[in-house]
Amino acid sequence: MFTGIIEEVGTFARLSGGVLSIGAHLVQSDAHIGDSSAVNGICLTVTSFDAQGFSADVMPETVRRTSLAELTRGAPLNLERALLPTTRMGGHFVSGHIDGVGKIRAMREEGNAILMTVAADAEILRGIVEKGSVALDGISLTVAAVGAADFTVSLIPHTRTVTNLSAKRIGSLLNIETDILGKYALKLLGGGSPAAGHTGLTREYLMQHGF
């Protein structure tokens, strides 16, 4: 379990043979083999580490459902260690189980903030509500508005400075995790999981819709 408060921005080294290698300096400082770590919002298990970073095994399902396959060497990665019982809950409950991938549709200034609009699959949008919580690349954010085919979050300067969002542009992909409480509410109400059986914005979806 995570909070969505990013501890460090690491770097993507490589993904080869099902092993993801990440450059980092902080999050592995107290690591143990088998620990959970969120990488761009994806809950992964630490399989090795040293002073320069750590590695984790990645399943084909994880690659299909996330933006990992789009990363290039040196790309910034949001990193967070698993929640401790003594940690302040500054964000919201984040499981690290990605529902799908969204694409940044627009970014515009509003005072000192940036309004970022993200295109998403209809099944993901069912789990997103105005003023609710959403995790984008593992970052805990509050939803400002929800449209028919997208949703908008407002980014303060601090968030952009301490996460990988400073490197994101229109067209960039983001891993999306909807609020876990909303998922269970939908299930209990007979609506099913907001993203069950779906992978968010797949390459085919993006091409069909002209993104």
Protein backbone atom coordinates (compact mmCIF):
# COMPACT_ATOMS: atom_id res chain seq x y z
CA MET A 1 0.00 0.00 0.00
CA PHE A 2 1.20 3.51 -0.88
CA THR A 3 0.12 7.12 -0.35
CA GLY A 4 0.84 8.68 -3.75
CA ILE A 5 3.38 11.06 -2.20
CA ILE A 6 6.51 10.67 -4.34
CA GLU A 7 9.75 10.24 -2.39
CA GLU A 8 12.26 10.35 -5.23
CA VAL A 9 12.48 10.70 -8.99
CA GLY A 10 14.67 7.90 -10.28
CA THR A 11 15.68 6.99 -13.83
CA PHE A 12 14.76 4.18 -16.18
CA ALA A 13 17.82 2.10 -17.04
CA ARG A 14 16.40 -0.83 -18.99
CA LEU A 15 13.69 -3.45 -19.24
CA SER A 16 15.13 -6.73 -20.47
CA GLY A 17 14.13 -10.34 -19.96
CA GLY A 18 11.32 -9.34 -17.65
CA VAL A 19 13.65 -7.42 -15.32
CA LEU A 20 13.25 -3.67 -14.82
CA SER A 21 16.38 -1.79 -13.71
CA ILE A 22 15.99 1.61 -12.04
CA GLY A 23 18.55 4.20 -11.02
CA ALA A 24 17.86 5.63 -7.54
CA HIS A 25 19.60 6.96 -4.43
CA LEU A 26 16.98 7.11 -1.65
CA VAL A 27 14.28 4.47 -1.83
CA GLN A 28 16.68 1.50 -1.72
CA SER A 29 18.59 2.90 1.28
CA ASP A 30 16.64 0.68 3.69
CA ALA A 31 15.44 -1.91 1.15
CA HIS A 32 15.19 -5.66 1.59
CA ILE A 33 14.70 -8.30 -1.08
CA GLY A 34 10.95 -8.82 -1.46
CA ASP A 35 9.97 -5.26 -0.47
CA SER A 36 7.27 -3.49 -2.45
CA SER A 37 8.12 -0.29 -4.29
CA ALA A 38 5.93 1.88 -6.49
CA VAL A 39 7.51 2.78 -9.83
CA ASN A 40 5.41 5.31 -11.78
CA GLY A 41 2.53 4.03 -9.67
CA ILE A 42 3.17 0.34 -10.39
CA CYS A 43 3.62 -1.88 -7.34
CA LEU A 44 6.74 -3.99 -7.96
CA THR A 45 8.81 -6.36 -5.83
CA VAL A 46 12.45 -5.52 -5.23
CA THR A 47 14.65 -8.42 -6.40
CA SER A 48 18.09 -6.79 -6.09
CA PHE A 49 19.58 -3.44 -5.10
CA ASP A 50 22.82 -1.56 -4.59
CA ALA A 51 23.92 2.03 -4.05
CA GLN A 52 23.03 2.98 -7.62
CA GLY A 53 19.47 1.61 -7.74
CA PHE A 54 17.37 -1.53 -7.71
CA SER A 55 15.74 -4.10 -9.96
CA ALA A 56 12.29 -5.70 -10.04
CA ASP A 57 10.67 -8.51 -12.01
CA VAL A 58 7.92 -7.36 -14.38
CA MET A 59 5.20 -9.64 -15.77
CA PRO A 60 3.92 -9.35 -19.37
CA GLU A 61 0.52 -8.31 -17.93
CA THR A 62 2.18 -5.36 -16.21
CA VAL A 63 3.81 -4.23 -19.45
CA ARG A 64 0.50 -4.53 -21.34
CA ARG A 65 -1.47 -2.53 -18.78
CA THR A 66 1.04 0.27 -18.16
CA SER A 67 3.30 2.71 -19.98
CA LEU A 68 6.51 0.79 -19.23
CA ALA A 69 6.99 -0.24 -22.86
CA GLU A 70 7.05 3.44 -23.89
CA LEU A 71 9.96 4.39 -21.62
CA THR A 72 13.37 5.30 -23.01
CA ARG A 73 16.71 5.14 -21.23
CA GLY A 74 17.05 7.93 -18.67
CA ALA A 75 13.29 8.62 -18.44
CA PRO A 76 12.28 9.97 -15.00
CA LEU A 77 10.39 7.56 -12.74
CA ASN A 78 8.29 8.42 -9.70
CA LEU A 79 9.38 6.22 -6.78
CA GLU A 80 7.71 5.53 -3.43
CA ARG A 81 8.41 2.95 -0.77
CA ALA A 82 5.54 1.00 0.77
CA LEU A 83 3.51 2.72 3.48
CA LEU A 84 4.57 2.23 7.11
CA PRO A 85 1.99 2.19 9.95
CA THR A 86 3.70 5.27 11.40
CA THR A 87 3.62 7.27 8.14
CA ARG A 88 1.36 10.32 7.84
CA MET A 89 -1.27 9.77 5.15
CA GLY A 90 -0.56 12.85 3.09
CA GLY A 91 -2.18 11.48 -0.07
CA HIS A 92 -4.72 8.66 -0.35
CA PHE A 93 -4.69 4.86 -0.30
CA VAL A 94 -2.87 3.75 -3.46
CA SER A 95 -2.51 0.02 -4.18
CA GLY A 96 -0.08 0.24 -7.08
CA HIS A 97 -2.43 -1.82 -9.28
CA ILE A 98 -2.76 0.12 -12.53
CA ASP A 99 -6.18 0.26 -14.21
CA GLY A 100 -4.90 1.50 -17.54
CA VAL A 101 -3.03 4.20 -19.42
CA GLY A 102 -4.20 7.71 -20.21
CA LYS A 103 -2.80 10.36 -22.52
CA ILE A 104 -2.28 14.04 -21.73
CA ARG A 105 -4.69 15.96 -23.94
CA ALA A 106 -4.13 19.53 -22.74
CA MET A 107 -2.10 21.58 -20.26
CA ARG A 108 -2.95 25.19 -19.48
CA GLU A 109 -1.93 27.67 -16.84
CA GLU A 110 -4.35 28.85 -14.17
CA GLY A 111 -2.62 31.24 -11.80
CA ASN A 112 0.31 29.37 -10.27
CA ALA A 113 -1.19 26.00 -11.22
CA ILE A 114 -1.37 23.90 -14.36
CA LEU A 115 -4.67 22.32 -15.37
CA MET A 116 -3.80 19.00 -16.97
CA THR A 117 -6.48 17.14 -18.95
CA VAL A 118 -6.02 13.40 -19.47
CA ALA A 119 -7.89 11.35 -22.08
CA ALA A 120 -9.04 8.00 -20.68
CA ASP A 121 -11.02 4.93 -21.57
CA ALA A 122 -14.73 5.07 -20.63
CA GLU A 123 -14.33 2.18 -18.19
CA ILE A 124 -11.66 4.10 -16.30
CA LEU A 125 -13.75 7.28 -16.27
CA ARG A 126 -16.52 5.38 -14.49
CA GLY A 127 -14.22 5.17 -11.49
CA ILE A 128 -13.25 8.87 -11.50
CA VAL A 129 -15.38 11.52 -9.77
CA GLU A 130 -14.99 15.26 -9.38
CA LYS A 131 -13.10 16.13 -6.18
CA GLY A 132 -12.23 12.46 -5.77
CA SER A 133 -8.71 11.03 -5.75
CA VAL A 134 -6.74 9.55 -8.62
CA ALA A 135 -3.13 8.38 -8.92
CA LEU A 136 -1.29 9.38 -12.10
CA ASP A 137 2.13 7.74 -12.48
CA GLY A 138 1.79 7.08 -8.76
CA ILE A 139 1.10 10.71 -7.80
CA SER A 140 -1.90 11.32 -5.54
CA LEU A 141 -4.02 14.04 -7.19
CA THR A 142 -7.48 15.52 -6.78
CA VAL A 143 -9.83 15.44 -9.76
CA ALA A 144 -10.95 18.95 -10.74
CA ALA A 145 -13.42 17.98 -13.48
CA VAL A 146 -14.64 14.95 -15.42
CA GLY A 147 -15.71 15.06 -19.08
CA ALA A 148 -17.19 12.55 -21.49
CA ALA A 149 -13.78 11.33 -22.65
CA ASP A 150 -11.29 12.83 -20.21
CA PHE A 151 -10.71 14.27 -16.75
CA THR A 152 -8.71 17.20 -15.40
CA VAL A 153 -6.40 17.62 -12.42
CA SER A 154 -4.76 20.79 -11.10
CA LEU A 155 -1.01 20.68 -10.48
CA ILE A 156 0.68 22.96 -7.97
CA PRO A 157 4.30 24.01 -8.65
CA HIS A 158 5.64 21.72 -5.89
CA THR A 159 4.09 18.63 -7.47
CA ARG A 160 5.60 19.42 -10.85
CA THR A 161 9.02 20.06 -9.27
CA VAL A 162 9.34 16.86 -7.23
CA THR A 163 7.81 14.37 -9.71
CA ASN A 164 8.23 13.32 -13.33
CA LEU A 165 5.40 15.65 -14.39
CA SER A 166 7.97 18.36 -15.14
CA ALA A 167 9.04 16.21 -18.11
CA LYS A 168 5.51 15.44 -19.35
CA ARG A 169 4.03 17.11 -22.42
CA ILE A 170 0.82 16.93 -24.45
CA GLY A 171 0.72 13.40 -25.80
CA SER A 172 2.66 11.86 -22.90
CA LEU A 173 1.25 8.66 -21.39
CA LEU A 174 0.36 8.26 -17.72
CA ASN A 175 -0.42 5.20 -15.63
CA ILE A 176 -3.86 5.59 -14.03
CA GLU A 177 -5.10 4.05 -10.79
CA THR A 178 -8.61 5.02 -9.77
CA ASP A 179 -9.59 5.29 -6.11
CA ILE A 180 -9.78 1.85 -4.51
CA LEU A 181 -12.85 2.82 -2.47
CA GLY A 182 -14.70 3.71 -5.65
CA LYS A 183 -13.84 0.33 -7.17
CA TYR A 184 -15.43 -1.55 -4.29
CA ALA A 185 -18.45 0.75 -4.28
CA LEU A 186 -19.02 0.06 -7.99
CA LYS A 187 -18.68 -3.67 -7.41
CA LEU A 188 -21.17 -3.67 -4.52
CA LEU A 189 -23.63 -1.65 -6.57
CA GLY A 190 -23.47 -4.21 -9.37
CA GLY A 191 -21.43 -2.06 -11.72
CA GLY A 192 -18.36 -4.27 -11.69
CA SER A 193 -14.79 -3.06 -11.60
CA PRO A 194 -14.26 0.27 -13.38
CA ALA A 195 -11.51 -1.26 -15.46
CA ALA A 196 -12.11 -5.00 -15.35
CA GLY A 197 -10.84 -6.62 -18.50
CA HIS A 198 -9.65 -3.33 -19.96
CA THR A 199 -6.17 -1.89 -20.46
CA GLY A 200 -6.99 1.80 -20.65
CA LEU A 201 -5.78 3.63 -23.73
CA THR A 202 -4.09 0.94 -25.76
CA ARG A 203 -2.13 1.86 -28.86
CA GLU A 204 -5.08 0.67 -30.96
CA TYR A 205 -7.48 2.93 -29.04
CA LEU A 206 -5.19 5.94 -29.46
CA MET A 207 -4.88 5.37 -33.20
CA GLN A 208 -8.62 4.88 -33.69
CA HIS A 209 -9.37 8.14 -31.94
CA GLY A 210 -6.73 10.17 -33.73
CA PHE A 211 -4.48 10.95 -30.77
